[in-house]
């Protein structure tokens, strides 16, 4: 577990404020998707998550920040599968 992972698990924040803002945005979009279940919201969510991954984020997201597995980008799923 990296120092950043430890910070996330202990305090809910990383050492990177950009990660934190993007994860907050994912949480917002996940909640919005749960209410409205539109393709547009899922597309926005996937774009934000792909951006986060491109910036180097490679930890699992909290469950309440995720969408159903079928809507999660392949780039995210592949981080945790062999």
PDB file of N, CA and C in Angstrom:
ATOM      1  N   UNK A   1       0.852  -1.174   0.000  1.00  0.00           N
ATOM      2  CA  UNK A   1       0.000   0.000   0.000  1.00  0.00           C
ATOM      3  C   UNK A   1       0.897   1.236   0.000  1.00  0.00           C
ATOM      4  N   UNK A   2       0.610   2.161  -0.893  1.00  0.00           N
ATOM      5  CA  UNK A   2       1.411   3.371  -0.989  1.00  0.00           C
ATOM      6  C   UNK A   2       1.012   4.361   0.098  1.00  0.00           C
ATOM      7  N   UNK A   3       1.843   5.366   0.269  1.00  0.00           N
ATOM      8  CA  UNK A   3       1.526   6.416   1.236  1.00  0.00           C
ATOM      9  C   UNK A   3       0.204   7.073   0.869  1.00  0.00           C
ATOM     10  N   UNK A   4       0.014   7.286  -0.438  1.00  0.00           N
ATOM     11  CA  UNK A   4      -1.229   7.900  -0.884  1.00  0.00           C
ATOM     12  C   UNK A   4      -2.423   7.019  -0.558  1.00  0.00           C
ATOM     13  N   UNK A   5      -2.296   5.710  -0.778  1.00  0.00           N
ATOM     14  CA  UNK A   5      -3.376   4.786  -0.455  1.00  0.00           C
ATOM     15  C   UNK A   5      -3.676   4.831   1.026  1.00  0.00           C
ATOM     16  N   UNK A   6      -2.643   4.918   1.855  1.00  0.00           N
ATOM     17  CA  UNK A   6      -2.836   4.998   3.293  1.00  0.00           C
ATOM     18  C   UNK A   6      -3.601   6.261   3.649  1.00  0.00           C
ATOM     19  N   UNK A   7      -3.243   7.382   3.042  1.00  0.00           N
ATOM     20  CA  UNK A   7      -3.933   8.644   3.310  1.00  0.00           C
ATOM     21  C   UNK A   7      -5.396   8.540   2.920  1.00  0.00           C
ATOM     22  N   UNK A   8      -5.673   7.901   1.790  1.00  0.00           N
ATOM     23  CA  UNK A   8      -7.057   7.748   1.351  1.00  0.00           C
ATOM     24  C   UNK A   8      -7.820   6.885   2.336  1.00  0.00           C
ATOM     25  N   UNK A   9      -7.235   5.763   2.770  1.00  0.00           N
ATOM     26  CA  UNK A   9      -7.964   4.866   3.657  1.00  0.00           C
ATOM     27  C   UNK A   9      -8.135   5.467   5.053  1.00  0.00           C
ATOM     28  N   UNK A  10      -7.190   6.276   5.509  1.00  0.00           N
ATOM     29  CA  UNK A  10      -7.298   6.849   6.846  1.00  0.00           C
ATOM     30  C   UNK A  10      -8.177   8.094   6.893  1.00  0.00           C
ATOM     31  N   UNK A  11      -8.052   8.945   5.900  1.00  0.00           N
ATOM     32  CA  UNK A  11      -8.693  10.246   5.975  1.00  0.00           C
ATOM     33  C   UNK A  11      -9.688  10.531   4.861  1.00  0.00           C
ATOM     34  N   UNK A  12      -9.749   9.689   3.870  1.00  0.00           N
ATOM     35  CA  UNK A  12     -10.657   9.912   2.755  1.00  0.00           C
ATOM     36  C   UNK A  12     -10.120  10.861   1.707  1.00  0.00           C
ATOM     37  N   UNK A  13      -8.887  11.334   1.878  1.00  0.00           N
ATOM     38  CA  UNK A  13      -8.271  12.237   0.921  1.00  0.00           C
ATOM     39  C   UNK A  13      -6.910  11.706   0.532  1.00  0.00           C
ATOM     40  N   UNK A  14      -6.510  12.006  -0.694  1.00  0.00           N
ATOM     41  CA  UNK A  14      -5.172  11.633  -1.144  1.00  0.00           C
ATOM     42  C   UNK A  14      -4.219  12.789  -0.867  1.00  0.00           C
ATOM     43  N   UNK A  15      -2.986  12.622  -1.260  1.00  0.00           N
ATOM     44  CA  UNK A  15      -2.014  13.709  -1.166  1.00  0.00           C
ATOM     45  C   UNK A  15      -2.058  14.570  -2.420  1.00  0.00           C
ATOM     46  N   UNK A  16      -2.988  14.284  -3.306  1.00  0.00           N
ATOM     47  CA  UNK A  16      -3.080  14.986  -4.580  1.00  0.00           C
ATOM     48  C   UNK A  16      -4.450  15.659  -4.673  1.00  0.00           C
ATOM     49  N   UNK A  17      -4.505  16.983  -4.584  1.00  0.00           N
ATOM     50  CA  UNK A  17      -5.806  17.666  -4.622  1.00  0.00           C
ATOM     51  C   UNK A  17      -6.551  17.484  -5.945  1.00  0.00           C
ATOM     52  N   UNK A  18      -5.825  17.247  -7.034  1.00  0.00           N
ATOM     53  CA  UNK A  18      -6.488  17.000  -8.319  1.00  0.00           C
ATOM     54  C   UNK A  18      -7.260  15.687  -8.240  1.00  0.00           C
ATOM     55  N   UNK A  19      -6.631  14.646  -7.684  1.00  0.00           N
ATOM     56  CA  UNK A  19      -7.332  13.368  -7.494  1.00  0.00           C
ATOM     57  C   UNK A  19      -8.594  13.589  -6.677  1.00  0.00           C
ATOM     58  N   UNK A  20      -8.455  14.320  -5.584  1.00  0.00           N
ATOM     59  CA  UNK A  20      -9.588  14.530  -4.687  1.00  0.00           C
ATOM     60  C   UNK A  20     -10.754  15.220  -5.394  1.00  0.00           C
ATOM     61  N   UNK A  21     -10.455  16.236  -6.190  1.00  0.00           N
ATOM     62  CA  UNK A  21     -11.514  16.942  -6.931  1.00  0.00           C
ATOM     63  C   UNK A  21     -12.190  16.015  -7.936  1.00  0.00           C
ATOM     64  N   UNK A  22     -11.387  15.224  -8.647  1.00  0.00           N
ATOM     65  CA  UNK A  22     -11.956  14.312  -9.645  1.00  0.00           C
ATOM     66  C   UNK A  22     -12.765  13.204  -8.982  1.00  0.00           C
ATOM     67  N   UNK A  23     -12.310  12.697  -7.844  1.00  0.00           N
ATOM     68  CA  UNK A  23     -13.070  11.667  -7.128  1.00  0.00           C
ATOM     69  C   UNK A  23     -14.374  12.260  -6.596  1.00  0.00           C
ATOM     70  N   UNK A  24     -14.332  13.503  -6.104  1.00  0.00           N
ATOM     71  CA  UNK A  24     -15.567  14.176  -5.685  1.00  0.00           C
ATOM     72  C   UNK A  24     -16.537  14.288  -6.858  1.00  0.00           C
ATOM     73  N   UNK A  25     -16.008  14.634  -8.030  1.00  0.00           N
ATOM     74  CA  UNK A  25     -16.847  14.741  -9.234  1.00  0.00           C
ATOM     75  C   UNK A  25     -17.449  13.383  -9.588  1.00  0.00           C
ATOM     76  N   UNK A  26     -16.646  12.310  -9.467  1.00  0.00           N
ATOM     77  CA  UNK A  26     -17.164  10.965  -9.731  1.00  0.00           C
ATOM     78  C   UNK A  26     -18.298  10.623  -8.771  1.00  0.00           C
ATOM     79  N   UNK A  27     -18.122  10.967  -7.496  1.00  0.00           N
ATOM     80  CA  UNK A  27     -19.175  10.710  -6.508  1.00  0.00           C
ATOM     81  C   UNK A  27     -20.454  11.448  -6.845  1.00  0.00           C
ATOM     82  N   UNK A  28     -20.306  12.705  -7.265  1.00  0.00           N
ATOM     83  CA  UNK A  28     -21.464  13.494  -7.668  1.00  0.00           C
ATOM     84  C   UNK A  28     -22.170  12.851  -8.866  1.00  0.00           C
ATOM     85  N   UNK A  29     -21.373  12.487  -9.878  1.00  0.00           N
ATOM     86  CA  UNK A  29     -21.954  11.870 -11.078  1.00  0.00           C
ATOM     87  C   UNK A  29     -22.573  10.513 -10.781  1.00  0.00           C
ATOM     88  N   UNK A  30     -21.956   9.737  -9.889  1.00  0.00           N
ATOM     89  CA  UNK A  30     -22.522   8.429  -9.521  1.00  0.00           C
ATOM     90  C   UNK A  30     -23.891   8.612  -8.857  1.00  0.00           C
ATOM     91  N   UNK A  31     -23.995   9.593  -7.964  1.00  0.00           N
ATOM     92  CA  UNK A  31     -25.281   9.874  -7.328  1.00  0.00           C
ATOM     93  C   UNK A  31     -26.321  10.353  -8.325  1.00  0.00           C
ATOM     94  N   UNK A  32     -25.891  11.209  -9.230  1.00  0.00           N
ATOM     95  CA  UNK A  32     -26.782  11.705 -10.269  1.00  0.00           C
ATOM     96  C   UNK A  32     -27.259  10.556 -11.159  1.00  0.00           C
ATOM     97  N   UNK A  33     -26.325   9.665 -11.510  1.00  0.00           N
ATOM     98  CA  UNK A  33     -26.699   8.527 -12.349  1.00  0.00           C
ATOM     99  C   UNK A  33     -27.712   7.633 -11.619  1.00  0.00           C
ATOM    100  N   UNK A  34     -27.540   7.428 -10.329  1.00  0.00           N
ATOM    101  CA  UNK A  34     -28.480   6.586  -9.572  1.00  0.00           C
ATOM    102  C   UNK A  34     -29.890   7.169  -9.595  1.00  0.00           C
ATOM    103  N   UNK A  35     -30.003   8.482  -9.642  1.00  0.00           N
ATOM    104  CA  UNK A  35     -31.319   9.124  -9.696  1.00  0.00           C
ATOM    105  C   UNK A  35     -31.923   9.102 -11.093  1.00  0.00           C
ATOM    106  N   UNK A  36     -31.073   9.327 -12.113  1.00  0.00           N
ATOM    107  CA  UNK A  36     -31.612   9.528 -13.461  1.00  0.00           C
ATOM    108  C   UNK A  36     -31.274   8.432 -14.464  1.00  0.00           C
ATOM    109  N   UNK A  37     -30.200   7.698 -14.230  1.00  0.00           N
ATOM    110  CA  UNK A  37     -29.759   6.587 -15.083  1.00  0.00           C
ATOM    111  C   UNK A  37     -29.734   6.932 -16.580  1.00  0.00           C
ATOM    112  N   UNK A  38     -29.063   8.031 -16.911  1.00  0.00           N
ATOM    113  CA  UNK A  38     -28.964   8.416 -18.318  1.00  0.00           C
ATOM    114  C   UNK A  38     -27.580   8.071 -18.874  1.00  0.00           C
ATOM    115  N   UNK A  39     -27.551   7.855 -20.160  1.00  0.00           N
ATOM    116  CA  UNK A  39     -26.298   7.577 -20.862  1.00  0.00           C
ATOM    117  C   UNK A  39     -25.359   8.774 -20.781  1.00  0.00           C
ATOM    118  N   UNK A  40     -25.911   9.976 -20.830  1.00  0.00           N
ATOM    119  CA  UNK A  40     -25.089  11.185 -20.789  1.00  0.00           C
ATOM    120  C   UNK A  40     -24.307  11.271 -19.475  1.00  0.00           C
ATOM    121  N   UNK A  41     -24.950  10.947 -18.378  1.00  0.00           N
ATOM    122  CA  UNK A  41     -24.274  10.979 -17.081  1.00  0.00           C
ATOM    123  C   UNK A  41     -23.210   9.894 -17.028  1.00  0.00           C
ATOM    124  N   UNK A  42     -23.516   8.703 -17.500  1.00  0.00           N
ATOM    125  CA  UNK A  42     -22.533   7.610 -17.514  1.00  0.00           C
ATOM    126  C   UNK A  42     -21.338   7.984 -18.389  1.00  0.00           C
ATOM    127  N   UNK A  43     -21.586   8.639 -19.511  1.00  0.00           N
ATOM    128  CA  UNK A  43     -20.489   9.070 -20.389  1.00  0.00           C
ATOM    129  C   UNK A  43     -19.593  10.097 -19.702  1.00  0.00           C
ATOM    130  N   UNK A  44     -20.202  11.052 -19.006  1.00  0.00           N
ATOM    131  CA  UNK A  44     -19.422  12.047 -18.264  1.00  0.00           C
ATOM    132  C   UNK A  44     -18.589  11.367 -17.178  1.00  0.00           C
ATOM    133  N   UNK A  45     -19.206  10.433 -16.474  1.00  0.00           N
ATOM    134  CA  UNK A  45     -18.516   9.695 -15.421  1.00  0.00           C
ATOM    135  C   UNK A  45     -17.296   8.978 -15.999  1.00  0.00           C
ATOM    136  N   UNK A  46     -17.483   8.281 -17.097  1.00  0.00           N
ATOM    137  CA  UNK A  46     -16.386   7.525 -17.713  1.00  0.00           C
ATOM    138  C   UNK A  46     -15.258   8.446 -18.158  1.00  0.00           C
ATOM    139  N   UNK A  47     -15.597   9.614 -18.681  1.00  0.00           N
ATOM    140  CA  UNK A  47     -14.577  10.577 -19.100  1.00  0.00           C
ATOM    141  C   UNK A  47     -13.756  11.053 -17.909  1.00  0.00           C
ATOM    142  N   UNK A  48     -14.419  11.377 -16.814  1.00  0.00           N
ATOM    143  CA  UNK A  48     -13.710  11.831 -15.612  1.00  0.00           C
ATOM    144  C   UNK A  48     -12.829  10.714 -15.064  1.00  0.00           C
ATOM    145  N   UNK A  49     -13.342   9.491 -15.020  1.00  0.00           N
ATOM    146  CA  UNK A  49     -12.552   8.373 -14.490  1.00  0.00           C
ATOM    147  C   UNK A  49     -11.353   8.073 -15.386  1.00  0.00           C
ATOM    148  N   UNK A  50     -11.536   8.105 -16.682  1.00  0.00           N
ATOM    149  CA  UNK A  50     -10.398   7.893 -17.594  1.00  0.00           C
ATOM    150  C   UNK A  50      -9.336   8.980 -17.398  1.00  0.00           C
ATOM    151  N   UNK A  51      -9.760  10.200 -17.195  1.00  0.00           N
ATOM    152  CA  UNK A  51      -8.825  11.301 -16.931  1.00  0.00           C
ATOM    153  C   UNK A  51      -8.040  11.035 -15.653  1.00  0.00           C
ATOM    154  N   UNK A  52      -8.727  10.608 -14.626  1.00  0.00           N
ATOM    155  CA  UNK A  52      -8.087  10.289 -13.349  1.00  0.00           C
ATOM    156  C   UNK A  52      -7.036   9.198 -13.529  1.00  0.00           C
ATOM    157  N   UNK A  53      -7.362   8.178 -14.285  1.00  0.00           N
ATOM    158  CA  UNK A  53      -6.427   7.078 -14.545  1.00  0.00           C
ATOM    159  C   UNK A  53      -5.232   7.575 -15.360  1.00  0.00           C
ATOM    160  N   UNK A  54      -5.480   8.403 -16.366  1.00  0.00           N
ATOM    161  CA  UNK A  54      -4.379   8.964 -17.170  1.00  0.00           C
ATOM    162  C   UNK A  54      -3.425   9.803 -16.319  1.00  0.00           C
ATOM    163  N   UNK A  55      -3.953  10.393 -15.265  1.00  0.00           N
ATOM    164  CA  UNK A  55      -3.121  11.189 -14.357  1.00  0.00           C
ATOM    165  C   UNK A  55      -2.344  10.324 -13.364  1.00  0.00           C
ATOM    166  N   UNK A  56      -2.580   8.999 -13.409  1.00  0.00           N
ATOM    167  CA  UNK A  56      -1.807   8.096 -12.569  1.00  0.00           C
ATOM    168  C   UNK A  56      -2.553   7.454 -11.426  1.00  0.00           C
ATOM    169  N   UNK A  57      -3.819   7.752 -11.268  1.00  0.00           N
ATOM    170  CA  UNK A  57      -4.595   7.152 -10.183  1.00  0.00           C
ATOM    171  C   UNK A  57      -4.792   5.665 -10.474  1.00  0.00           C
ATOM    172  N   UNK A  58      -4.476   4.810  -9.494  1.00  0.00           N
ATOM    173  CA  UNK A  58      -4.630   3.373  -9.715  1.00  0.00           C
ATOM    174  C   UNK A  58      -5.166   2.633  -8.491  1.00  0.00           C
ATOM    175  N   UNK A  59      -5.854   3.331  -7.608  1.00  0.00           N
ATOM    176  CA  UNK A  59      -6.477   2.705  -6.445  1.00  0.00           C
ATOM    177  C   UNK A  59      -7.936   2.380  -6.747  1.00  0.00           C
ATOM    178  N   UNK A  60      -8.494   1.471  -5.967  1.00  0.00           N
ATOM    179  CA  UNK A  60      -9.918   1.193  -6.103  1.00  0.00           C
ATOM    180  C   UNK A  60     -10.705   2.369  -5.542  1.00  0.00           C
ATOM    181  N   UNK A  61     -11.798   2.664  -6.192  1.00  0.00           N
ATOM    182  CA  UNK A  61     -12.677   3.726  -5.723  1.00  0.00           C
ATOM    183  C   UNK A  61     -13.587   3.192  -4.624  1.00  0.00           C
ATOM    184  N   UNK A  62     -14.052   4.049  -3.736  1.00  0.00           N
ATOM    185  CA  UNK A  62     -15.064   3.621  -2.775  1.00  0.00           C
ATOM    186  C   UNK A  62     -16.312   3.143  -3.520  1.00  0.00           C
ATOM    187  N   UNK A  63     -16.998   2.190  -2.970  1.00  0.00           N
ATOM    188  CA  UNK A  63     -18.166   1.597  -3.636  1.00  0.00           C
ATOM    189  C   UNK A  63     -19.215   2.649  -3.980  1.00  0.00           C
ATOM    190  N   UNK A  64     -19.420   3.614  -3.114  1.00  0.00           N
ATOM    191  CA  UNK A  64     -20.450   4.620  -3.384  1.00  0.00           C
ATOM    192  C   UNK A  64     -20.070   5.585  -4.506  1.00  0.00           C
ATOM    193  N   UNK A  65     -18.833   5.511  -4.951  1.00  0.00           N
ATOM    194  CA  UNK A  65     -18.367   6.360  -6.051  1.00  0.00           C
ATOM    195  C   UNK A  65     -18.401   5.603  -7.380  1.00  0.00           C
ATOM    196  N   UNK A  66     -18.575   4.301  -7.334  1.00  0.00           N
ATOM    197  CA  UNK A  66     -18.588   3.491  -8.551  1.00  0.00           C
ATOM    198  C   UNK A  66     -19.981   3.412  -9.163  1.00  0.00           C
ATOM    199  N   UNK A  67     -19.995   3.166 -10.455  1.00  0.00           N
ATOM    200  CA  UNK A  67     -21.221   2.796 -11.163  1.00  0.00           C
ATOM    201  C   UNK A  67     -21.257   1.274 -11.242  1.00  0.00           C
ATOM    202  N   UNK A  68     -22.365   0.684 -11.683  1.00  0.00           N
ATOM    203  CA  UNK A  68     -22.381  -0.768 -11.886  1.00  0.00           C
ATOM    204  C   UNK A  68     -21.243  -1.192 -12.814  1.00  0.00           C
ATOM    205  N   UNK A  69     -20.731  -2.386 -12.618  1.00  0.00           N
ATOM    206  CA  UNK A  69     -19.545  -2.855 -13.344  1.00  0.00           C
ATOM    207  C   UNK A  69     -19.658  -2.684 -14.851  1.00  0.00           C
ATOM    208  N   UNK A  70     -20.829  -2.928 -15.401  1.00  0.00           N
ATOM    209  CA  UNK A  70     -21.019  -2.804 -16.846  1.00  0.00           C
ATOM    210  C   UNK A  70     -20.849  -1.388 -17.375  1.00  0.00           C
ATOM    211  N   UNK A  71     -20.892  -0.407 -16.492  1.00  0.00           N
ATOM    212  CA  UNK A  71     -20.725   0.989 -16.904  1.00  0.00           C
ATOM    213  C   UNK A  71     -19.347   1.551 -16.566  1.00  0.00           C
ATOM    214  N   UNK A  72     -18.549   0.754 -15.866  1.00  0.00           N
ATOM    215  CA  UNK A  72     -17.209   1.211 -15.520  1.00  0.00           C
ATOM    216  C   UNK A  72     -16.306   1.050 -16.743  1.00  0.00           C
ATOM    217  N   UNK A  73     -15.431   2.026 -17.003  1.00  0.00           N
ATOM    218  CA  UNK A  73     -14.544   1.926 -18.160  1.00  0.00           C
ATOM    219  C   UNK A  73     -13.600   0.728 -18.064  1.00  0.00           C
ATOM    220  N   UNK A  74     -13.273   0.150 -19.198  1.00  0.00           N
ATOM    221  CA  UNK A  74     -12.355  -0.986 -19.265  1.00  0.00           C
ATOM    222  C   UNK A  74     -11.028  -0.642 -18.606  1.00  0.00           C
ATOM    223  N   UNK A  75     -10.587   0.604 -18.772  1.00  0.00           N
ATOM    224  CA  UNK A  75      -9.315   1.033 -18.190  1.00  0.00           C
ATOM    225  C   UNK A  75      -9.310   0.863 -16.669  1.00  0.00           C
ATOM    226  N   UNK A  76     -10.454   1.105 -16.044  1.00  0.00           N
ATOM    227  CA  UNK A  76     -10.555   0.944 -14.591  1.00  0.00           C
ATOM    228  C   UNK A  76     -10.618  -0.528 -14.215  1.00  0.00           C
ATOM    229  N   UNK A  77     -11.476  -1.288 -14.880  1.00  0.00           N
ATOM    230  CA  UNK A  77     -11.629  -2.715 -14.582  1.00  0.00           C
ATOM    231  C   UNK A  77     -10.290  -3.439 -14.755  1.00  0.00           C
ATOM    232  N   UNK A  78      -9.542  -3.089 -15.783  1.00  0.00           N
ATOM    233  CA  UNK A  78      -8.284  -3.781 -16.053  1.00  0.00           C
ATOM    234  C   UNK A  78      -7.213  -3.502 -14.996  1.00  0.00           C
ATOM    235  N   UNK A  79      -7.374  -2.453 -14.221  1.00  0.00           N
ATOM    236  CA  UNK A  79      -6.429  -2.179 -13.135  1.00  0.00           C
ATOM    237  C   UNK A  79      -6.464  -3.273 -12.068  1.00  0.00           C
ATOM    238  N   UNK A  80      -7.587  -3.961 -11.941  1.00  0.00           N
ATOM    239  CA  UNK A  80      -7.781  -4.897 -10.837  1.00  0.00           C
ATOM    240  C   UNK A  80      -8.029  -6.340 -11.273  1.00  0.00           C
ATOM    241  N   UNK A  81      -7.841  -6.618 -12.559  1.00  0.00           N
ATOM    242  CA  UNK A  81      -7.986  -7.980 -13.050  1.00  0.00           C
ATOM    243  C   UNK A  81      -6.658  -8.439 -13.645  1.00  0.00           C
ATOM    244  N   UNK A  82      -6.432  -9.714 -13.592  1.00  0.00           N
ATOM    245  CA  UNK A  82      -5.171 -10.257 -14.138  1.00  0.00           C
ATOM    246  C   UNK A  82      -5.280 -10.558 -15.593  1.00  0.00           C
TER     247      UNK A  82
END
